[in-house]
Amino acid sequence: MRAIIVHGGAGDAKKAEEISVRVEVVKESATEGYSLLKNSSSAIDAVVHAVKILEDHPLFDAGRGSYLNEEGEVEMDAGIMEGDTLFIGAVAGIKRVKNPVELAKLVMEKSPHNFLIGEGAEEFGKKYGIEFAPFDYFLTERLIQIWKGQYGDTVGAVALDDTGHIAAAVSTGGTQNKHRGRVGDSPLVGSGFYANDIYGAVSTGIGEDIMKVVMSFRIMLYYPSISLDESVKKVIEDLAKANGKAGIIALDRNGNISFGYNTKGIFKAFIKDGMTEVEGGY
């Protein structure tokens, strides 16, 4: 069984005319990730490719579309996890890396550490030829509009490959006008992302709320004693009890796909063996 689910953020989309575009991009992301899975690529490669598509699009708060902090700088975070080995890679406070998810993968594969931040993480990436981008690359028209109240959010993906392995990846530019040095849930294993040999999940929304309940790992409190759908529902209920707002995507080793949210909506798309086309929406 091969499967993938991606998200492009949970919350209020603000501008209705952008919803259809963002839905189409998350569907493209899922479709391309699934194409890799069908060609025997690993779950890790599939989630990295899917997330890169969203990082490269200016309508999502990750990579090129990342929000600016209070000082007008880009500070990006990303994380990745391989379910069968529990290997982790995460980065935070990245300013000039074109695709932070690739740097997170590099940390997982080439570093003895799980988590690198700021200049140290970027220096590590340079040793392995990671692609950098000038600041102008991130200064899109969308960023100017964000200051007028537009909404964007974290992106992420979870995939199951034909060997039965699961991987999860996440990338974000953080919150609009955030304090310099702020790190949210996204690069924190268990909060923003988690994967093991039975399921994988990625969270999106208000990071400070997500961290309170360790949202992506929290599925383990319920699954597999109850179904994945029921477990996701329980997690959202737990989040609400903590007055949190967020969404989550998940899939398990059997190819079951689930998502939940208590925000206005969540941009998502998914496909698995047996489906004739990708499903997506907001």
Protein backbone atom coordinates (compact mmCIF):
# COMPACT_ATOMS: atom_id res chain seq x y z
CA MET A 1 0.00 0.00 0.00
CA ARG A 2 1.25 3.45 -0.94
CA ALA A 3 -0.34 6.66 0.34
CA ILE A 4 0.35 10.33 0.92
CA ILE A 5 -1.45 13.25 2.52
CA VAL A 6 -0.26 16.86 2.47
CA HIS A 7 -1.50 20.08 4.01
CA GLY A 8 -1.05 23.75 3.26
CA GLY A 9 -2.15 25.21 6.58
CA ALA A 10 -5.16 25.41 8.86
CA GLY A 11 -7.11 28.54 9.71
CA ASP A 12 -8.97 31.34 7.98
CA ALA A 13 -7.92 31.74 4.34
CA LYS A 14 -9.01 35.42 4.45
CA LYS A 15 -9.04 35.94 0.68
CA ALA A 16 -11.65 33.69 -0.95
CA GLU A 17 -10.18 34.14 -4.42
CA GLU A 18 -6.97 32.41 -3.30
CA ILE A 19 -8.62 29.28 -1.93
CA SER A 20 -8.94 27.49 -5.28
CA VAL A 21 -5.31 28.22 -6.15
CA ARG A 22 -4.03 26.90 -2.84
CA VAL A 23 -6.19 23.78 -3.13
CA GLU A 24 -4.79 23.07 -6.59
CA VAL A 25 -1.22 23.46 -5.35
CA VAL A 26 -1.69 21.03 -2.45
CA LYS A 27 -3.29 18.60 -4.89
CA GLU A 28 -0.27 18.97 -7.18
CA SER A 29 2.00 18.35 -4.19
CA ALA A 30 0.17 15.14 -3.26
CA THR A 31 0.02 13.98 -6.87
CA GLU A 32 3.76 14.40 -7.42
CA GLY A 33 4.62 12.80 -4.09
CA TYR A 34 2.43 9.82 -4.96
CA SER A 35 4.03 9.55 -8.39
CA LEU A 36 7.38 9.07 -6.66
CA LEU A 37 5.89 6.39 -4.40
CA LYS A 38 4.51 4.55 -7.43
CA ASN A 39 8.02 4.54 -8.90
CA SER A 40 9.37 2.85 -5.74
CA SER A 41 10.81 5.98 -4.14
CA SER A 42 11.00 6.04 -0.36
CA ALA A 43 8.49 7.75 1.89
CA ILE A 44 11.26 10.19 2.89
CA ASP A 45 11.86 11.24 -0.71
CA ALA A 46 8.12 11.58 -1.31
CA VAL A 47 7.47 13.90 1.64
CA VAL A 48 10.53 16.03 0.88
CA HIS A 49 9.44 16.47 -2.74
CA ALA A 50 5.85 17.24 -1.73
CA VAL A 51 6.91 19.82 0.85
CA LYS A 52 9.37 21.46 -1.58
CA ILE A 53 6.52 22.16 -4.00
CA LEU A 54 4.71 24.06 -1.24
CA GLU A 55 7.90 25.81 -0.08
CA ASP A 56 8.44 27.10 -3.62
CA HIS A 57 4.94 28.58 -3.93
CA PRO A 58 4.44 32.14 -2.58
CA LEU A 59 0.94 31.51 -1.18
CA PHE A 60 2.15 29.28 1.66
CA ASP A 61 3.98 30.30 4.82
CA ALA A 62 7.09 28.21 4.16
CA GLY A 63 10.15 28.68 2.00
CA ARG A 64 9.54 31.49 -0.47
CA GLY A 65 6.26 32.62 1.13
CA SER A 66 7.61 32.74 4.69
CA TYR A 67 6.34 35.48 6.97
CA LEU A 68 8.69 38.20 8.12
CA ASN A 69 9.48 38.60 11.79
CA GLU A 70 9.20 41.89 13.72
CA GLU A 71 12.50 43.08 12.26
CA GLY A 72 11.58 42.28 8.66
CA GLU A 73 13.69 39.13 8.49
CA VAL A 74 12.86 35.62 7.34
CA GLU A 75 13.34 32.88 9.98
CA MET A 76 12.28 29.45 8.76
CA ASP A 77 11.90 26.11 10.55
CA ALA A 78 11.54 22.55 9.27
CA GLY A 79 11.53 18.97 10.51
CA ILE A 80 11.50 15.43 9.17
CA MET A 81 11.19 11.96 10.69
CA GLU A 82 11.61 8.42 9.40
CA GLY A 83 9.17 6.09 11.09
CA ASP A 84 10.96 2.74 10.95
CA THR A 85 14.28 4.05 12.34
CA LEU A 86 12.93 7.01 14.36
CA PHE A 87 15.68 9.11 12.78
CA ILE A 88 14.99 12.85 13.11
CA GLY A 89 16.26 16.00 11.44
CA ALA A 90 15.18 19.53 12.34
CA VAL A 91 16.32 23.10 11.77
CA ALA A 92 15.17 26.48 13.11
CA GLY A 93 15.91 30.14 12.50
CA ILE A 94 17.05 29.57 8.91
CA LYS A 95 17.27 32.76 6.85
CA ARG A 96 18.58 32.04 3.37
CA VAL A 97 18.02 28.36 2.59
CA LYS A 98 15.72 27.95 -0.41
CA ASN A 99 14.17 24.70 0.82
CA PRO A 100 14.48 24.23 4.59
CA VAL A 101 13.00 20.72 4.40
CA GLU A 102 16.10 19.64 2.44
CA LEU A 103 18.35 20.97 5.18
CA ALA A 104 16.31 19.10 7.80
CA LYS A 105 16.77 15.91 5.78
CA LEU A 106 20.49 16.58 5.58
CA VAL A 107 20.69 16.96 9.36
CA MET A 108 18.91 13.62 9.72
CA GLU A 109 21.21 11.84 7.28
CA LYS A 110 24.60 13.49 7.78
CA SER A 111 24.72 14.94 11.29
CA PRO A 112 25.16 13.13 14.64
CA HIS A 113 22.61 15.62 15.99
CA ASN A 114 18.84 15.85 15.60
CA PHE A 115 18.39 19.62 15.64
CA LEU A 116 20.51 22.53 14.36
CA ILE A 117 19.64 26.23 14.47
CA GLY A 118 20.53 29.52 12.83
CA GLU A 119 23.95 30.17 11.37
CA GLY A 120 25.29 26.84 12.57
CA ALA A 121 22.63 24.98 10.62
CA GLU A 122 23.31 27.05 7.51
CA GLU A 123 27.06 26.46 7.77
CA PHE A 124 26.37 22.74 8.02
CA GLY A 125 24.24 22.93 4.88
CA LYS A 126 26.95 24.77 2.93
CA LYS A 127 29.35 21.88 3.50
CA TYR A 128 26.96 19.62 1.62
CA GLY A 129 25.98 22.01 -1.17
CA ILE A 130 22.51 22.98 0.08
CA GLU A 131 20.91 25.62 -2.15
CA PHE A 132 20.70 29.16 -0.78
CA ALA A 133 18.60 32.08 -2.04
CA PRO A 134 19.06 35.86 -1.75
CA PHE A 135 16.71 37.80 0.50
CA ASP A 136 14.95 39.23 -2.56
CA TYR A 137 13.74 35.72 -3.37
CA PHE A 138 11.56 35.78 -0.25
CA LEU A 139 10.25 39.35 -0.73
CA THR A 140 7.18 38.53 -2.80
CA GLU A 141 4.11 40.67 -3.28
CA ARG A 142 2.29 38.29 -0.97
CA LEU A 143 4.51 39.32 1.95
CA ILE A 144 3.46 42.93 1.45
CA GLN A 145 -0.18 41.85 1.41
CA ILE A 146 0.30 39.78 4.56
CA TRP A 147 0.89 42.98 6.46
CA LYS A 148 -2.65 43.88 5.39
CA GLY A 149 -4.04 40.74 6.99
CA GLN A 150 -3.72 37.84 4.58
CA TYR A 151 -3.36 34.36 6.00
CA GLY A 152 -0.90 31.55 5.29
CA ASP A 153 0.42 28.66 7.33
CA THR A 154 2.80 25.78 7.81
CA VAL A 155 3.04 23.06 5.15
CA GLY A 156 3.63 19.36 5.65
CA ALA A 157 3.31 15.82 4.32
CA VAL A 158 3.06 12.24 5.52
CA ALA A 159 3.73 9.27 3.23
CA LEU A 160 3.68 5.47 3.25
CA ASP A 161 5.88 3.68 0.72
CA ASP A 162 5.69 0.21 -0.80
CA THR A 163 8.07 -1.19 1.84
CA GLY A 164 5.63 -0.21 4.59
CA HIS A 165 7.79 2.66 5.86
CA ILE A 166 6.25 5.96 6.96
CA ALA A 167 7.80 9.44 6.92
CA ALA A 168 6.60 12.88 7.97
CA ALA A 169 7.96 16.31 7.05
CA VAL A 170 7.02 19.90 7.90
CA SER A 171 8.19 23.39 6.94
CA THR A 172 7.18 26.89 8.05
CA GLY A 173 8.09 30.54 8.09
CA GLY A 174 6.50 30.94 11.51
CA THR A 175 3.95 33.53 12.58
CA GLN A 176 3.48 36.97 11.12
CA ASN A 177 5.55 39.68 12.85
CA LYS A 178 6.91 37.15 15.34
CA HIS A 179 9.54 38.04 17.92
CA ARG A 180 13.06 37.57 16.58
CA GLY A 181 14.23 34.09 17.56
CA ARG A 182 10.75 32.65 18.08
CA VAL A 183 10.48 28.93 17.34
CA GLY A 184 7.07 27.31 17.07
CA ASP A 185 5.90 23.72 17.08
CA SER A 186 6.93 22.80 13.54
CA PRO A 187 10.56 21.67 14.10
CA LEU A 188 9.77 20.08 17.47
CA VAL A 189 9.41 16.32 17.19
CA GLY A 190 6.13 15.17 18.72
CA SER A 191 4.50 18.58 18.40
CA GLY A 192 4.83 19.63 14.77
CA PHE A 193 5.60 16.20 13.35
CA TYR A 194 6.01 12.56 14.34
CA ALA A 195 6.40 9.18 12.67
CA ASN A 196 6.97 5.61 13.81
CA ASP A 197 6.33 2.22 12.26
CA ILE A 198 2.55 2.37 12.72
CA TYR A 199 1.57 5.96 11.86
CA GLY A 200 2.80 9.43 10.95
CA ALA A 201 1.33 12.88 11.57
CA VAL A 202 1.95 16.58 10.98
CA SER A 203 0.24 19.42 12.86
CA THR A 204 -0.54 22.96 11.71
CA GLY A 205 -2.01 26.02 13.39
CA ILE A 206 -1.09 28.02 16.46
CA GLY A 207 2.27 26.56 17.44
CA GLU A 208 2.11 27.62 21.06
CA ASP A 209 -1.18 25.70 21.38
CA ILE A 210 0.12 22.63 19.55
CA MET A 211 3.12 22.37 21.86
CA LYS A 212 0.87 22.29 24.93
CA VAL A 213 -0.60 18.93 23.94
CA VAL A 214 2.35 17.52 21.94
CA MET A 215 -0.15 17.16 19.16
CA SER A 216 1.44 14.90 16.54
CA PHE A 217 2.66 12.37 19.10
CA ARG A 218 -0.61 12.57 21.04
CA ILE A 219 -2.28 10.20 18.59
CA MET A 220 -0.26 7.48 20.34
CA LEU A 221 -2.40 7.92 23.46
CA TYR A 222 -5.33 6.46 21.53
CA TYR A 223 -4.10 4.59 18.46
CA PRO A 224 -4.26 1.69 17.68
CA SER A 225 -6.73 0.92 20.51
CA ILE A 226 -9.23 2.91 18.46
CA SER A 227 -9.22 3.81 14.76
CA LEU A 228 -7.02 6.51 13.27
CA ASP A 229 -10.06 8.70 12.57
CA GLU A 230 -11.29 8.35 16.15
CA SER A 231 -7.79 9.03 17.48
CA VAL A 232 -7.46 12.21 15.44
CA LYS A 233 -10.86 13.33 16.70
CA LYS A 234 -9.73 12.74 20.30
CA VAL A 235 -6.59 14.79 19.72
CA ILE A 236 -8.60 17.73 18.40
CA GLU A 237 -10.89 17.45 21.46
CA ASP A 238 -7.85 17.52 23.74
CA LEU A 239 -6.55 20.59 21.92
CA ALA A 240 -9.89 22.35 22.35
CA LYS A 241 -9.82 21.66 26.10
CA ALA A 242 -6.54 23.58 26.18
CA ASN A 243 -8.25 26.41 24.23
CA GLY A 244 -6.08 25.63 21.21
CA LYS A 245 -6.74 26.07 17.50
CA ALA A 246 -5.05 23.83 14.95
CA GLY A 247 -5.35 21.00 12.46
CA ILE A 248 -3.59 17.70 11.88
CA ILE A 249 -3.03 15.21 9.06
CA ALA A 250 -2.18 11.54 9.62
CA LEU A 251 -1.88 8.15 7.96
CA ASP A 252 -1.11 4.67 9.25
CA ARG A 253 0.76 1.61 8.00
CA ASN A 254 -2.44 0.20 6.50
CA GLY A 255 -2.91 3.23 4.29
CA ASN A 256 -5.72 4.75 6.34
CA ILE A 257 -5.74 8.53 5.91
CA SER A 258 -7.19 11.00 8.38
CA PHE A 259 -7.28 14.71 9.16
CA GLY A 260 -9.00 16.91 11.71
CA TYR A 261 -9.17 20.56 12.70
CA ASN A 262 -11.09 23.05 14.83
CA THR A 263 -10.18 26.06 12.69
CA LYS A 264 -12.27 27.42 9.83
CA GLY A 265 -10.61 25.00 7.46
CA ILE A 266 -7.45 23.17 6.44
CA PHE A 267 -5.88 22.96 3.00
CA LYS A 268 -5.28 19.26 2.35
CA ALA A 269 -4.92 16.72 -0.42
CA PHE A 270 -4.42 12.96 -0.39
CA ILE A 271 -4.21 9.89 -2.57
CA LYS A 272 -3.46 6.22 -2.07
CA ASP A 273 -3.51 2.95 -3.97
CA GLY A 274 -7.02 2.21 -5.18
CA MET A 275 -7.95 5.86 -5.73
CA THR A 276 -8.24 7.05 -9.33
CA GLU A 277 -7.33 10.68 -8.55
CA VAL A 278 -6.19 12.93 -5.77
CA GLU A 279 -8.79 14.39 -3.41
CA GLY A 280 -8.32 17.84 -1.96
CA GLY A 281 -10.07 20.83 -0.51
CA TYR A 282 -10.30 23.40 2.24
